C-alpha atoms as a PDB file:
ATOM      1  CA  MET A   1      -9.771  26.902   2.745  1.00  0.00           C
ATOM      2  CA  GLY A   2     -13.011  27.715   0.965  1.00  0.00           C
ATOM      3  CA  GLU A   3     -11.440  27.471  -2.459  1.00  0.00           C
ATOM      4  CA  ARG A   4      -9.924  24.099  -1.539  1.00  0.00           C
ATOM      5  CA  VAL A   5     -13.364  22.769  -0.598  1.00  0.00           C
ATOM      6  CA  LEU A   6     -14.779  24.097  -3.853  1.00  0.00           C
ATOM      7  CA  VAL A   7     -11.989  22.524  -5.930  1.00  0.00           C
ATOM      8  CA  PHE A   8     -12.426  19.203  -4.140  1.00  0.00           C
ATOM      9  CA  LEU A   9     -16.194  19.189  -4.556  1.00  0.00           C
ATOM     10  CA  LEU A  10     -15.942  20.033  -8.265  1.00  0.00           C
ATOM     11  CA  THR A  11     -13.399  17.302  -8.961  1.00  0.00           C
ATOM     12  CA  ALA A  12     -15.343  14.762  -6.876  1.00  0.00           C
ATOM     13  CA  ALA A  13     -18.539  15.648  -8.732  1.00  0.00           C
ATOM     14  CA  ALA A  14     -16.791  15.317 -12.096  1.00  0.00           C
ATOM     15  CA  ALA A  15     -15.376  11.917 -11.113  1.00  0.00           C
ATOM     16  CA  LEU A  16     -18.755  10.708  -9.888  1.00  0.00           C
ATOM     17  CA  ILE A  17     -20.526  11.884 -13.037  1.00  0.00           C
ATOM     18  CA  ALA A  18     -17.929  10.222 -15.259  1.00  0.00           C
ATOM     19  CA  GLY A  19     -17.917   7.021 -13.210  1.00  0.00           C
ATOM     20  CA  MET A  20     -21.655   6.647 -12.794  1.00  0.00           C
ATOM     21  CA  GLN A  21     -22.465   6.697 -16.509  1.00  0.00           C
ATOM     22  CA  ASP A  22     -22.279   2.905 -16.862  1.00  0.00           C
ATOM     23  CA  TRP A  23     -22.961   2.001 -13.220  1.00  0.00           C
ATOM     24  CA  LYS A  24     -25.921  -0.295 -13.950  1.00  0.00           C
ATOM     25  CA  GLY A  25     -24.049  -2.274 -16.570  1.00  0.00           C
ATOM     26  CA  ALA A  26     -20.817  -2.538 -14.584  1.00  0.00           C
ATOM     27  CA  SER A  27     -19.736  -5.760 -12.916  1.00  0.00           C
ATOM     28  CA  ARG A  28     -19.228  -6.048  -9.181  1.00  0.00           C
ATOM     29  CA  LYS A  29     -15.456  -5.930  -9.586  1.00  0.00           C
ATOM     30  CA  VAL A  30     -15.637  -2.680 -11.519  1.00  0.00           C
ATOM     31  CA  ARG A  31     -17.967  -1.191  -8.921  1.00  0.00           C
ATOM     32  CA  LEU A  32     -15.660  -2.254  -6.087  1.00  0.00           C
ATOM     33  CA  VAL A  33     -12.622  -0.754  -7.803  1.00  0.00           C
ATOM     34  CA  PHE A  34     -14.512   2.479  -8.434  1.00  0.00           C
ATOM     35  CA  VAL A  35     -15.591   2.701  -4.785  1.00  0.00           C
ATOM     36  CA  LEU A  36     -12.015   2.036  -3.597  1.00  0.00           C
ATOM     37  CA  ILE A  37     -10.649   4.715  -5.908  1.00  0.00           C
ATOM     38  CA  MET A  38     -13.265   7.185  -4.663  1.00  0.00           C
ATOM     39  CA  LEU A  39     -12.425   6.345  -1.038  1.00  0.00           C
ATOM     40  CA  TYR A  40      -8.750   7.008  -1.707  1.00  0.00           C
ATOM     41  CA  ALA A  41      -9.649  10.214  -3.530  1.00  0.00           C
ATOM     42  CA  GLY A  42     -11.734  11.272  -0.541  1.00  0.00           C
ATOM     43  CA  TYR A  43      -8.851  10.503   1.818  1.00  0.00           C
ATOM     44  CA  THR A  44      -6.363  12.522  -0.194  1.00  0.00           C
ATOM     45  CA  GLY A  45      -8.967  15.234  -0.766  1.00  0.00           C
ATOM     46  CA  TYR A  46      -9.494  15.557   2.976  1.00  0.00           C
ATOM     47  CA  GLY A  47      -5.735  15.987   3.407  1.00  0.00           C
ATOM     48  CA  TYR A  48      -5.814  18.643   0.700  1.00  0.00           C
ATOM     49  CA  ILE A  49      -8.699  20.511   2.323  1.00  0.00           C
ATOM     50  CA  VAL A  50      -7.282  20.582   5.868  1.00  0.00           C
ATOM     51  CA  ASP A  51      -3.749  21.183   4.516  1.00  0.00           C
ATOM     52  CA  LYS A  52      -2.141  18.752   6.947  1.00  0.00           C
ATOM     53  CA  THR A  53       0.193  15.869   6.373  1.00  0.00           C
ATOM     54  CA  MET A  54      -1.800  12.660   6.316  1.00  0.00           C
ATOM     55  CA  PRO A  55      -0.371   9.199   7.035  1.00  0.00           C
ATOM     56  CA  ASN A  56       1.066   7.645   3.925  1.00  0.00           C
ATOM     57  CA  LEU A  57      -0.593   4.481   2.569  1.00  0.00           C
ATOM     58  CA  PRO A  58       2.705   2.608   2.075  1.00  0.00           C
ATOM     59  CA  ASP A  59       3.502   3.279   5.749  1.00  0.00           C
ATOM     60  CA  GLY A  60       0.197   1.686   6.737  1.00  0.00           C
ATOM     61  CA  VAL A  61       0.824  -1.345   4.548  1.00  0.00           C
ATOM     62  CA  THR A  62       4.319  -1.697   5.996  1.00  0.00           C
ATOM     63  CA  PHE A  63       2.940  -1.493   9.523  1.00  0.00           C
ATOM     64  CA  ALA A  64       0.264  -4.087   8.783  1.00  0.00           C
ATOM     65  CA  PHE A  65       2.479  -6.650   7.041  1.00  0.00           C
ATOM     66  CA  GLU A  66       5.980  -6.019   8.416  1.00  0.00           C
ATOM     67  CA  LYS A  67       6.090  -8.972  10.845  1.00  0.00           C
ATOM     68  CA  LEU A  68       4.694 -11.372   8.270  1.00  0.00           C
ATOM     69  CA  ALA A  69       7.196 -10.177   5.670  1.00  0.00           C
ATOM     70  CA  VAL A  70      10.104 -10.708   8.074  1.00  0.00           C
ATOM     71  CA  ARG A  71       8.917 -14.258   8.823  1.00  0.00           C
ATOM     72  CA  ILE A  72       8.565 -15.064   5.125  1.00  0.00           C
ATOM     73  CA  ASP A  73      12.024 -13.629   4.481  1.00  0.00           C
ATOM     74  CA  LYS A  74      13.546 -15.844   7.191  1.00  0.00           C
ATOM     75  CA  VAL A  75      11.881 -18.947   5.775  1.00  0.00           C
ATOM     76  CA  LEU A  76      12.905 -18.255   2.186  1.00  0.00           C
ATOM     77  CA  LYS A  77      16.459 -17.096   2.891  1.00  0.00           C
ATOM     78  CA  PRO A  78      18.925 -19.889   2.073  1.00  0.00           C
ATOM     79  CA  GLN A  79      20.896 -21.130   5.045  1.00  0.00           C
ATOM     80  CA  THR A  80      24.652 -20.723   4.811  1.00  0.00           C
ATOM     81  CA  ILE A  81      26.718 -23.875   5.289  1.00  0.00           C
ATOM     82  CA  PRO A  82      30.184 -23.267   6.712  1.00  0.00           C
ATOM     83  CA  ASP A  83      33.082 -24.132   4.440  1.00  0.00           C
ATOM     84  CA  PRO A  84      34.748 -27.279   5.867  1.00  0.00           C
ATOM     85  CA  SER A  85      38.167 -26.417   4.432  1.00  0.00           C
ATOM     86  CA  LYS A  86      38.504 -23.430   6.773  1.00  0.00           C
ATOM     87  CA  HIS A  87      37.879 -25.501   9.896  1.00  0.00           C
ATOM     88  CA  LYS A  88      40.429 -28.304   9.215  1.00  0.00           C
ATOM     89  CA  GLU A  89      43.323 -26.180  10.337  1.00  0.00           C
ATOM     90  CA  ASP A  90      41.646 -25.263  13.609  1.00  0.00           C
ATOM     91  CA  SER A  91      41.165 -28.815  14.949  1.00  0.00           C
ATOM     92  CA  ALA A  92      44.055 -30.323  16.968  1.00  0.00           C
ATOM     93  CA  ASP A  93      43.212 -33.994  16.411  1.00  0.00           C
ATOM     94  CA  GLU A  94      43.885 -34.029  12.670  1.00  0.00           C
END
């Protein structure tokens, strides 16, 4: 486990050094993206260090938006209209 911590710290330090070179001149969007990437790297790095299976990000997104996606799918799905030619033979009054 010690070598995993060392590898993670070295790669995190290299990423921080490379990313912080233009930190003062970077826009807020660039800074936000960099922070999000570093958070994800920290999350995956923690999983690497403890050598355990971590929850998958797509699973979390699916859990968060599954109900909304089903509702949107129901609204956007075209409704099927029954074919009237099939039902003419079934009625007795014609």
